[in-house]
Amino acid sequence: MCLVFSTFSTFLGRPGIHLEDLYVSPEYRGFGYGKAILKKLSEITVQRGYGRLEWWCLNWNQPSIDFYKSLGAQTMDAWTDYRLSGKELEELAK
């Protein structure tokens, strides 16, 4: 299962695809389903002339990190994610 949405890169001046969720049931892992999903998303990205396919991965999820790196994915070390939620979000919204 995967959930994706379109993005736009102001750096590239082109659209892209963001992979929000990728999930393969544990009993089906190791059979190539995750790779097949990422391959298809890569094909769609290229066919549409988009600039990139990107996603996030939790830094403690080493099996996924190893899998993504085996496909040639690169870690975006120069970026830091930020989030506003809860009390802080409500305070800023006032």
N, C-alpha and C. Protein backbone atom coordinates (compact mmCIF):
# COMPACT_ATOMS: atom_id res chain seq x y z
N MET A 1 0.84 -1.15 0.00
CA MET A 1 0.00 0.00 0.00
C MET A 1 0.89 1.22 0.00
N CYS A 2 0.52 2.21 -0.77
CA CYS A 2 1.24 3.48 -0.72
C CYS A 2 0.26 4.62 -0.86
N LEU A 3 0.63 5.74 -0.26
CA LEU A 3 -0.14 6.97 -0.35
C LEU A 3 0.81 8.04 -0.86
N VAL A 4 0.47 8.68 -1.96
CA VAL A 4 1.33 9.69 -2.57
C VAL A 4 0.54 10.96 -2.85
N PHE A 5 1.26 12.06 -3.00
CA PHE A 5 0.64 13.29 -3.47
C PHE A 5 1.64 14.09 -4.27
N SER A 6 1.12 15.00 -5.09
CA SER A 6 1.97 15.84 -5.94
C SER A 6 2.60 16.94 -5.12
N THR A 7 3.80 17.30 -5.51
CA THR A 7 4.51 18.42 -4.89
C THR A 7 5.03 19.33 -6.01
N PHE A 8 5.60 20.44 -5.61
CA PHE A 8 6.28 21.31 -6.58
C PHE A 8 7.56 21.82 -5.95
N SER A 9 8.67 21.68 -6.66
CA SER A 9 9.95 22.15 -6.18
C SER A 9 10.26 23.51 -6.77
N THR A 10 10.37 24.52 -5.92
CA THR A 10 10.77 25.83 -6.41
C THR A 10 12.25 25.83 -6.79
N PHE A 11 13.04 24.90 -6.22
CA PHE A 11 14.45 24.79 -6.59
C PHE A 11 14.60 24.28 -8.02
N LEU A 12 13.80 23.27 -8.37
CA LEU A 12 13.86 22.69 -9.71
C LEU A 12 12.94 23.39 -10.70
N GLY A 13 11.91 24.04 -10.18
CA GLY A 13 10.89 24.62 -11.05
C GLY A 13 10.05 23.54 -11.73
N ARG A 14 9.92 22.40 -11.06
CA ARG A 14 9.18 21.27 -11.62
C ARG A 14 8.39 20.56 -10.53
N PRO A 15 7.33 19.87 -10.93
CA PRO A 15 6.58 19.08 -9.95
C PRO A 15 7.36 17.83 -9.55
N GLY A 16 6.85 17.17 -8.53
CA GLY A 16 7.42 15.92 -8.07
C GLY A 16 6.34 15.09 -7.39
N ILE A 17 6.74 13.98 -6.84
CA ILE A 17 5.84 13.10 -6.11
C ILE A 17 6.41 12.91 -4.71
N HIS A 18 5.55 13.05 -3.71
CA HIS A 18 5.92 12.76 -2.33
C HIS A 18 5.23 11.47 -1.92
N LEU A 19 6.00 10.51 -1.47
CA LEU A 19 5.49 9.25 -0.96
C LEU A 19 5.26 9.44 0.54
N GLU A 20 4.03 9.54 0.94
CA GLU A 20 3.69 9.78 2.34
C GLU A 20 3.77 8.49 3.16
N ASP A 21 3.27 7.41 2.62
CA ASP A 21 3.29 6.13 3.33
C ASP A 21 3.55 4.99 2.35
N LEU A 22 4.38 4.06 2.77
CA LEU A 22 4.63 2.82 2.05
C LEU A 22 4.54 1.71 3.09
N TYR A 23 3.65 0.77 2.86
CA TYR A 23 3.48 -0.31 3.83
C TYR A 23 3.31 -1.63 3.10
N VAL A 24 4.09 -2.59 3.52
CA VAL A 24 3.97 -3.98 3.07
C VAL A 24 3.77 -4.82 4.32
N SER A 25 2.72 -5.63 4.35
CA SER A 25 2.46 -6.48 5.51
C SER A 25 3.68 -7.34 5.81
N PRO A 26 3.97 -7.53 7.10
CA PRO A 26 5.18 -8.28 7.47
C PRO A 26 5.33 -9.63 6.77
N GLU A 27 4.24 -10.35 6.58
CA GLU A 27 4.35 -11.67 5.95
C GLU A 27 4.70 -11.61 4.47
N TYR A 28 4.61 -10.41 3.86
CA TYR A 28 4.94 -10.26 2.44
C TYR A 28 6.24 -9.51 2.21
N ARG A 29 6.92 -9.12 3.27
CA ARG A 29 8.19 -8.41 3.13
C ARG A 29 9.27 -9.38 2.66
N GLY A 30 10.19 -8.84 1.88
CA GLY A 30 11.29 -9.66 1.37
C GLY A 30 10.97 -10.34 0.05
N PHE A 31 9.80 -10.08 -0.51
CA PHE A 31 9.40 -10.68 -1.79
C PHE A 31 9.45 -9.70 -2.96
N GLY A 32 9.91 -8.46 -2.70
CA GLY A 32 10.05 -7.49 -3.79
C GLY A 32 8.87 -6.56 -3.98
N TYR A 33 7.86 -6.63 -3.11
CA TYR A 33 6.69 -5.76 -3.28
C TYR A 33 7.02 -4.29 -3.05
N GLY A 34 7.80 -3.99 -2.02
CA GLY A 34 8.19 -2.60 -1.76
C GLY A 34 9.00 -2.04 -2.92
N LYS A 35 9.93 -2.84 -3.42
CA LYS A 35 10.73 -2.40 -4.57
C LYS A 35 9.85 -2.19 -5.79
N ALA A 36 8.87 -3.06 -6.00
CA ALA A 36 7.97 -2.93 -7.15
C ALA A 36 7.16 -1.63 -7.05
N ILE A 37 6.72 -1.29 -5.84
CA ILE A 37 5.96 -0.05 -5.66
C ILE A 37 6.84 1.15 -5.97
N LEU A 38 8.06 1.17 -5.44
CA LEU A 38 8.96 2.29 -5.70
C LEU A 38 9.38 2.35 -7.17
N LYS A 39 9.53 1.21 -7.80
CA LYS A 39 9.84 1.18 -9.24
C LYS A 39 8.70 1.82 -10.03
N LYS A 40 7.46 1.45 -9.72
CA LYS A 40 6.32 2.02 -10.44
C LYS A 40 6.21 3.52 -10.20
N LEU A 41 6.41 3.95 -8.96
CA LEU A 41 6.37 5.38 -8.67
C LEU A 41 7.49 6.12 -9.41
N SER A 42 8.65 5.49 -9.53
CA SER A 42 9.75 6.09 -10.29
C SER A 42 9.39 6.21 -11.77
N GLU A 43 8.77 5.18 -12.31
CA GLU A 43 8.33 5.21 -13.71
C GLU A 43 7.33 6.35 -13.93
N ILE A 44 6.37 6.49 -13.05
CA ILE A 44 5.37 7.57 -13.16
C ILE A 44 6.05 8.93 -13.08
N THR A 45 6.98 9.07 -12.15
CA THR A 45 7.70 10.34 -11.98
C THR A 45 8.43 10.72 -13.26
N VAL A 46 9.14 9.76 -13.84
CA VAL A 46 9.89 10.02 -15.07
C VAL A 46 8.96 10.27 -16.25
N GLN A 47 7.92 9.45 -16.40
CA GLN A 47 6.98 9.60 -17.51
C GLN A 47 6.32 10.97 -17.52
N ARG A 48 6.04 11.50 -16.35
CA ARG A 48 5.38 12.81 -16.24
C ARG A 48 6.36 13.98 -16.35
N GLY A 49 7.65 13.67 -16.43
CA GLY A 49 8.64 14.73 -16.52
C GLY A 49 8.88 15.44 -15.19
N TYR A 50 8.52 14.80 -14.09
CA TYR A 50 8.71 15.38 -12.77
C TYR A 50 10.18 15.34 -12.39
N GLY A 51 10.54 16.18 -11.43
CA GLY A 51 11.94 16.29 -11.04
C GLY A 51 12.42 15.31 -10.00
N ARG A 52 11.50 14.81 -9.16
CA ARG A 52 11.96 13.91 -8.10
C ARG A 52 10.82 13.16 -7.44
N LEU A 53 11.20 12.06 -6.83
CA LEU A 53 10.35 11.26 -5.97
C LEU A 53 11.01 11.31 -4.60
N GLU A 54 10.25 11.71 -3.59
CA GLU A 54 10.86 11.83 -2.27
C GLU A 54 9.93 11.33 -1.19
N TRP A 55 10.52 11.03 -0.03
CA TRP A 55 9.77 10.54 1.12
C TRP A 55 10.59 10.76 2.37
N TRP A 56 9.98 10.53 3.51
CA TRP A 56 10.66 10.61 4.81
C TRP A 56 10.75 9.21 5.39
N CYS A 57 11.73 9.03 6.24
CA CYS A 57 11.89 7.78 6.96
C CYS A 57 12.40 8.11 8.35
N LEU A 58 11.82 7.50 9.35
CA LEU A 58 12.28 7.73 10.72
C LEU A 58 13.72 7.26 10.88
N ASN A 59 14.53 8.06 11.58
CA ASN A 59 15.96 7.77 11.65
C ASN A 59 16.30 6.50 12.44
N TRP A 60 15.35 5.93 13.16
CA TRP A 60 15.61 4.68 13.89
C TRP A 60 15.18 3.44 13.09
N ASN A 61 14.58 3.65 11.93
CA ASN A 61 14.07 2.54 11.14
C ASN A 61 15.16 2.00 10.20
N GLN A 62 16.17 1.36 10.78
CA GLN A 62 17.33 0.92 10.02
C GLN A 62 17.01 -0.06 8.89
N PRO A 63 16.08 -1.01 9.07
CA PRO A 63 15.77 -1.89 7.94
C PRO A 63 15.26 -1.12 6.71
N SER A 64 14.42 -0.11 6.94
CA SER A 64 13.93 0.69 5.81
C SER A 64 15.04 1.55 5.22
N ILE A 65 15.85 2.14 6.08
CA ILE A 65 16.97 2.95 5.60
C ILE A 65 17.89 2.10 4.71
N ASP A 66 18.20 0.92 5.17
CA ASP A 66 19.06 0.02 4.37
C ASP A 66 18.40 -0.33 3.04
N PHE A 67 17.10 -0.58 3.06
CA PHE A 67 16.37 -0.90 1.84
C PHE A 67 16.41 0.27 0.86
N TYR A 68 16.10 1.48 1.34
CA TYR A 68 16.09 2.65 0.47
C TYR A 68 17.48 2.93 -0.11
N LYS A 69 18.50 2.80 0.71
CA LYS A 69 19.85 3.04 0.21
C LYS A 69 20.26 1.99 -0.81
N SER A 70 19.75 0.76 -0.67
CA SER A 70 20.08 -0.29 -1.65
C SER A 70 19.50 0.03 -3.02
N LEU A 71 18.49 0.89 -3.06
CA LEU A 71 17.88 1.31 -4.32
C LEU A 71 18.55 2.54 -4.90
N GLY A 72 19.49 3.13 -4.15
CA GLY A 72 20.18 4.33 -4.61
C GLY A 72 19.64 5.62 -4.03
N ALA A 73 18.69 5.54 -3.11
CA ALA A 73 18.13 6.74 -2.49
C ALA A 73 19.20 7.42 -1.64
N GLN A 74 19.13 8.73 -1.59
CA GLN A 74 20.10 9.51 -0.83
C GLN A 74 19.45 10.18 0.36
N THR A 75 20.15 10.20 1.48
CA THR A 75 19.69 10.88 2.68
C THR A 75 19.88 12.39 2.50
N MET A 76 18.85 13.15 2.86
CA MET A 76 18.91 14.61 2.74
C MET A 76 19.36 15.21 4.07
N ASP A 77 20.66 15.10 4.36
CA ASP A 77 21.20 15.54 5.64
C ASP A 77 21.14 17.05 5.84
N ALA A 78 21.04 17.81 4.79
CA ALA A 78 21.06 19.27 4.91
C ALA A 78 19.71 19.85 5.36
N TRP A 79 18.68 19.02 5.45
CA TRP A 79 17.34 19.50 5.78
C TRP A 79 16.96 19.10 7.20
N THR A 80 16.25 19.98 7.88
CA THR A 80 15.70 19.70 9.19
C THR A 80 14.20 19.91 9.12
N ASP A 81 13.44 18.92 9.56
CA ASP A 81 11.98 19.04 9.57
C ASP A 81 11.54 19.86 10.77
N TYR A 82 10.51 20.66 10.57
CA TYR A 82 9.91 21.43 11.66
C TYR A 82 8.43 21.15 11.69
N ARG A 83 7.84 21.28 12.88
CA ARG A 83 6.41 21.02 13.03
C ARG A 83 5.85 21.93 14.10
N LEU A 84 4.66 22.44 13.84
CA LEU A 84 3.87 23.13 14.85
C LEU A 84 2.63 22.29 15.10
N SER A 85 2.34 22.04 16.36
CA SER A 85 1.12 21.30 16.70
C SER A 85 0.73 21.66 18.13
N GLY A 86 -0.45 21.22 18.51
CA GLY A 86 -0.91 21.41 19.88
C GLY A 86 -0.93 22.86 20.31
N LYS A 87 -0.49 23.11 21.54
CA LYS A 87 -0.53 24.43 22.15
C LYS A 87 0.24 25.47 21.33
N GLU A 88 1.41 25.08 20.83
CA GLU A 88 2.23 26.02 20.05
C GLU A 88 1.53 26.44 18.76
N LEU A 89 0.90 25.51 18.10
CA LEU A 89 0.15 25.83 16.88
C LEU A 89 -1.00 26.77 17.19
N GLU A 90 -1.74 26.46 18.25
CA GLU A 90 -2.87 27.29 18.63
C GLU A 90 -2.42 28.70 19.04
N GLU A 91 -1.29 28.81 19.73
CA GLU A 91 -0.78 30.11 20.13
C GLU A 91 -0.40 30.95 18.91
N LEU A 92 0.28 30.36 17.96
CA LEU A 92 0.69 31.11 16.77
C LEU A 92 -0.51 31.51 15.93
N ALA A 93 -1.56 30.71 15.94
CA ALA A 93 -2.76 31.00 15.16
C ALA A 93 -3.58 32.15 15.70
N LYS A 94 -3.31 32.58 16.92
CA LYS A 94 -4.10 33.67 17.53
C LYS A 94 -3.79 35.00 16.90
